[in-house]
Amino acid sequence: MSSRVLLGVACLVAGIALAAWSLAAGQLLLALVGFALIFTFIYLAIEAMGKAGKPQEPLKKAASPAWSMKDTPAGGNDSGGAL
C-alpha cells in the first residue's frame, strides 16, 4: 500500500473515533476536527479514484488508420448514393 492509502485510512479511523467521542462528550471543537479528518479521507479517496481512471502510459496513435475520412467517402462507393 502507498503512503497516501495509509494516510487516508488513518484519517478515517481517527476522524470517526474523534468525532464520535467528542460529540458524546459535548466538545464541539474536537468534533469539528474529527469531521475535518473524515473530509480529508473523502478527498483522498476521490483523488485516488480520479487517478485510477487515467492510463499510466499515453495512448499510441496507429501507424496506419483503418479508414481515412479525407481519402474515401463514408459509403465506400463513388456514386455517393445508397447501396
N, C-alpha and C. Protein backbone atom coordinates (compact mmCIF):
# COMPACT_ATOMS: atom_id res chain seq x y z
N MET A 1 0.84 -1.18 0.00
CA MET A 1 0.00 0.00 0.00
C MET A 1 0.88 1.24 0.00
N SER A 2 0.36 2.25 -0.65
CA SER A 2 1.11 3.50 -0.70
C SER A 2 0.88 4.30 0.59
N SER A 3 1.69 5.32 0.74
CA SER A 3 1.58 6.14 1.95
C SER A 3 0.28 6.95 1.96
N ARG A 4 -0.22 7.30 0.76
CA ARG A 4 -1.48 8.06 0.71
C ARG A 4 -2.66 7.19 1.14
N VAL A 5 -2.62 5.90 0.83
CA VAL A 5 -3.68 4.99 1.25
C VAL A 5 -3.66 4.84 2.77
N LEU A 6 -2.47 4.65 3.31
CA LEU A 6 -2.35 4.52 4.77
C LEU A 6 -2.78 5.81 5.47
N LEU A 7 -2.43 6.96 4.89
CA LEU A 7 -2.85 8.23 5.46
C LEU A 7 -4.37 8.37 5.42
N GLY A 8 -4.98 7.95 4.32
CA GLY A 8 -6.44 8.03 4.21
C GLY A 8 -7.14 7.14 5.22
N VAL A 9 -6.65 5.92 5.38
CA VAL A 9 -7.26 5.01 6.36
C VAL A 9 -7.08 5.53 7.77
N ALA A 10 -5.90 6.08 8.07
CA ALA A 10 -5.67 6.66 9.41
C ALA A 10 -6.59 7.85 9.65
N CYS A 11 -6.80 8.69 8.63
CA CYS A 11 -7.71 9.83 8.78
C CYS A 11 -9.14 9.36 9.04
N LEU A 12 -9.54 8.31 8.34
CA LEU A 12 -10.90 7.81 8.53
C LEU A 12 -11.11 7.25 9.93
N VAL A 13 -10.19 6.40 10.36
CA VAL A 13 -10.33 5.77 11.68
C VAL A 13 -10.25 6.82 12.79
N ALA A 14 -9.25 7.69 12.72
CA ALA A 14 -9.10 8.71 13.76
C ALA A 14 -10.25 9.72 13.72
N GLY A 15 -10.71 10.06 12.53
CA GLY A 15 -11.80 11.04 12.41
C GLY A 15 -13.11 10.52 12.98
N ILE A 16 -13.44 9.26 12.68
CA ILE A 16 -14.68 8.69 13.22
C ILE A 16 -14.60 8.57 14.73
N ALA A 17 -13.46 8.07 15.22
CA ALA A 17 -13.32 7.91 16.67
C ALA A 17 -13.37 9.26 17.39
N LEU A 18 -12.66 10.24 16.85
CA LEU A 18 -12.62 11.55 17.50
C LEU A 18 -13.98 12.25 17.43
N ALA A 19 -14.65 12.16 16.29
CA ALA A 19 -15.96 12.80 16.17
C ALA A 19 -16.99 12.14 17.09
N ALA A 20 -16.98 10.82 17.14
CA ALA A 20 -17.95 10.13 18.00
C ALA A 20 -17.71 10.43 19.47
N TRP A 21 -16.46 10.36 19.90
CA TRP A 21 -16.16 10.60 21.32
C TRP A 21 -16.46 12.05 21.71
N SER A 22 -16.07 12.99 20.85
CA SER A 22 -16.26 14.39 21.22
C SER A 22 -17.73 14.81 21.14
N LEU A 23 -18.50 14.24 20.22
CA LEU A 23 -19.93 14.55 20.20
C LEU A 23 -20.62 13.97 21.44
N ALA A 24 -20.19 12.79 21.88
CA ALA A 24 -20.78 12.20 23.08
C ALA A 24 -20.39 12.99 24.32
N ALA A 25 -19.20 13.58 24.32
CA ALA A 25 -18.74 14.34 25.48
C ALA A 25 -19.18 15.80 25.42
N GLY A 26 -19.74 16.22 24.30
CA GLY A 26 -20.21 17.59 24.17
C GLY A 26 -19.13 18.59 23.82
N GLN A 27 -18.08 18.15 23.20
CA GLN A 27 -16.98 19.05 22.82
C GLN A 27 -17.04 19.28 21.32
N LEU A 28 -17.60 20.41 20.95
CA LEU A 28 -17.85 20.69 19.55
C LEU A 28 -16.57 20.94 18.75
N LEU A 29 -15.59 21.56 19.36
CA LEU A 29 -14.36 21.88 18.63
C LEU A 29 -13.62 20.61 18.21
N LEU A 30 -13.53 19.64 19.09
CA LEU A 30 -12.90 18.37 18.73
C LEU A 30 -13.73 17.60 17.72
N ALA A 31 -15.04 17.75 17.77
CA ALA A 31 -15.91 17.10 16.78
C ALA A 31 -15.64 17.67 15.39
N LEU A 32 -15.41 18.97 15.31
CA LEU A 32 -15.10 19.59 14.02
C LEU A 32 -13.77 19.09 13.48
N VAL A 33 -12.81 18.87 14.37
CA VAL A 33 -11.53 18.31 13.94
C VAL A 33 -11.73 16.89 13.42
N GLY A 34 -12.57 16.13 14.08
CA GLY A 34 -12.88 14.77 13.62
C GLY A 34 -13.56 14.78 12.26
N PHE A 35 -14.49 15.70 12.06
CA PHE A 35 -15.15 15.80 10.75
C PHE A 35 -14.18 16.27 9.68
N ALA A 36 -13.23 17.11 10.04
CA ALA A 36 -12.21 17.53 9.08
C ALA A 36 -11.36 16.35 8.65
N LEU A 37 -11.04 15.46 9.57
CA LEU A 37 -10.28 14.25 9.22
C LEU A 37 -11.10 13.34 8.29
N ILE A 38 -12.39 13.24 8.54
CA ILE A 38 -13.26 12.42 7.68
C ILE A 38 -13.32 13.03 6.28
N PHE A 39 -13.44 14.35 6.19
CA PHE A 39 -13.47 15.00 4.88
C PHE A 39 -12.12 14.88 4.16
N THR A 40 -11.04 14.83 4.92
CA THR A 40 -9.73 14.59 4.32
C THR A 40 -9.68 13.20 3.69
N PHE A 41 -10.24 12.21 4.38
CA PHE A 41 -10.31 10.87 3.80
C PHE A 41 -11.13 10.87 2.52
N ILE A 42 -12.26 11.57 2.52
CA ILE A 42 -13.11 11.61 1.32
C ILE A 42 -12.35 12.26 0.17
N TYR A 43 -11.63 13.33 0.43
CA TYR A 43 -10.83 13.98 -0.61
C TYR A 43 -9.78 13.03 -1.17
N LEU A 44 -9.07 12.33 -0.29
CA LEU A 44 -8.03 11.41 -0.75
C LEU A 44 -8.62 10.26 -1.55
N ALA A 45 -9.80 9.79 -1.16
CA ALA A 45 -10.44 8.69 -1.89
C ALA A 45 -10.88 9.14 -3.29
N ILE A 46 -11.45 10.34 -3.39
CA ILE A 46 -11.88 10.85 -4.69
C ILE A 46 -10.67 11.11 -5.59
N GLU A 47 -9.60 11.61 -5.02
CA GLU A 47 -8.38 11.85 -5.78
C GLU A 47 -7.79 10.53 -6.30
N ALA A 48 -7.83 9.48 -5.49
CA ALA A 48 -7.31 8.18 -5.91
C ALA A 48 -8.19 7.58 -7.01
N MET A 49 -9.50 7.76 -6.92
CA MET A 49 -10.38 7.26 -7.97
C MET A 49 -10.15 7.99 -9.28
N GLY A 50 -9.87 9.27 -9.21
CA GLY A 50 -9.59 10.04 -10.41
C GLY A 50 -8.30 9.60 -11.08
N LYS A 51 -7.30 9.29 -10.29
CA LYS A 51 -6.03 8.82 -10.85
C LYS A 51 -6.15 7.40 -11.40
N ALA A 52 -7.01 6.58 -10.81
CA ALA A 52 -7.15 5.19 -11.25
C ALA A 52 -7.80 5.11 -12.63
N GLY A 53 -8.59 6.09 -13.00
CA GLY A 53 -9.26 6.07 -14.28
C GLY A 53 -8.40 6.51 -15.44
N LYS A 54 -7.24 7.05 -15.18
CA LYS A 54 -6.37 7.53 -16.25
C LYS A 54 -5.34 6.46 -16.59
N PRO A 55 -4.98 6.33 -17.88
CA PRO A 55 -3.97 5.34 -18.24
C PRO A 55 -2.59 5.74 -17.73
N GLN A 56 -1.78 4.74 -17.43
CA GLN A 56 -0.43 5.01 -16.92
C GLN A 56 0.48 5.54 -18.02
N GLU A 57 0.31 5.02 -19.24
CA GLU A 57 1.11 5.45 -20.37
C GLU A 57 0.20 6.15 -21.37
N PRO A 58 0.70 7.13 -22.11
CA PRO A 58 -0.14 7.79 -23.11
C PRO A 58 -0.52 6.81 -24.23
N LEU A 59 -1.71 7.01 -24.78
CA LEU A 59 -2.18 6.15 -25.86
C LEU A 59 -1.36 6.41 -27.12
N LYS A 60 -1.03 5.35 -27.82
CA LYS A 60 -0.22 5.47 -29.03
C LYS A 60 -1.15 5.56 -30.25
N LYS A 61 -0.78 6.40 -31.19
CA LYS A 61 -1.54 6.51 -32.43
C LYS A 61 -1.22 5.32 -33.31
N ALA A 62 -2.19 4.90 -34.12
CA ALA A 62 -1.98 3.79 -35.04
C ALA A 62 -1.07 4.23 -36.18
N ALA A 63 -0.24 3.31 -36.63
CA ALA A 63 0.68 3.64 -37.72
C ALA A 63 -0.08 3.89 -39.01
N SER A 64 -1.08 3.07 -39.27
CA SER A 64 -1.91 3.28 -40.46
C SER A 64 -3.38 3.16 -40.04
N PRO A 65 -4.11 4.25 -40.04
CA PRO A 65 -5.51 4.17 -39.62
C PRO A 65 -6.32 3.31 -40.59
N ALA A 66 -7.36 2.68 -40.07
CA ALA A 66 -8.15 1.78 -40.88
C ALA A 66 -8.94 2.53 -41.95
N TRP A 67 -9.34 3.73 -41.67
CA TRP A 67 -10.14 4.47 -42.64
C TRP A 67 -9.81 5.95 -42.50
N SER A 68 -9.45 6.56 -43.58
CA SER A 68 -9.14 7.97 -43.55
C SER A 68 -10.31 8.74 -44.15
N MET A 69 -10.84 9.69 -43.43
CA MET A 69 -12.03 10.41 -43.90
C MET A 69 -11.71 11.31 -45.08
N LYS A 70 -10.47 11.69 -45.27
CA LYS A 70 -10.13 12.58 -46.38
C LYS A 70 -10.12 11.83 -47.71
N ASP A 71 -9.72 10.57 -47.72
CA ASP A 71 -9.50 9.85 -48.95
C ASP A 71 -10.71 9.08 -49.45
N THR A 72 -11.52 8.51 -48.59
CA THR A 72 -12.61 7.63 -49.00
C THR A 72 -13.94 8.14 -48.45
N PRO A 73 -14.98 8.15 -49.26
CA PRO A 73 -16.30 8.55 -48.74
C PRO A 73 -16.83 7.50 -47.76
N ALA A 74 -17.78 7.91 -46.98
CA ALA A 74 -18.29 7.04 -45.92
C ALA A 74 -18.98 5.80 -46.47
N GLY A 75 -19.67 5.90 -47.61
CA GLY A 75 -20.38 4.75 -48.17
C GLY A 75 -19.46 3.71 -48.77
N GLY A 76 -18.28 4.08 -49.16
CA GLY A 76 -17.35 3.14 -49.74
C GLY A 76 -17.43 3.06 -51.25
N ASN A 77 -18.50 3.58 -51.86
CA ASN A 77 -18.58 3.57 -53.32
C ASN A 77 -18.53 5.01 -53.82
N ASP A 78 -18.23 5.17 -55.11
CA ASP A 78 -18.05 6.51 -55.66
C ASP A 78 -19.34 7.19 -56.09
N SER A 79 -20.45 6.46 -56.11
CA SER A 79 -21.70 7.06 -56.59
C SER A 79 -22.27 8.04 -55.57
N GLY A 80 -21.97 7.86 -54.31
CA GLY A 80 -22.44 8.79 -53.29
C GLY A 80 -23.83 8.49 -52.80
N GLY A 81 -24.51 7.53 -53.40
CA GLY A 81 -25.88 7.20 -53.00
C GLY A 81 -25.92 6.02 -52.07
N ALA A 82 -27.13 5.53 -51.88
CA ALA A 82 -27.32 4.36 -51.01
C ALA A 82 -26.82 3.12 -51.71
N LEU A 83 -26.59 2.09 -50.95
CA LEU A 83 -26.12 0.82 -51.52
C LEU A 83 -27.22 0.26 -52.32
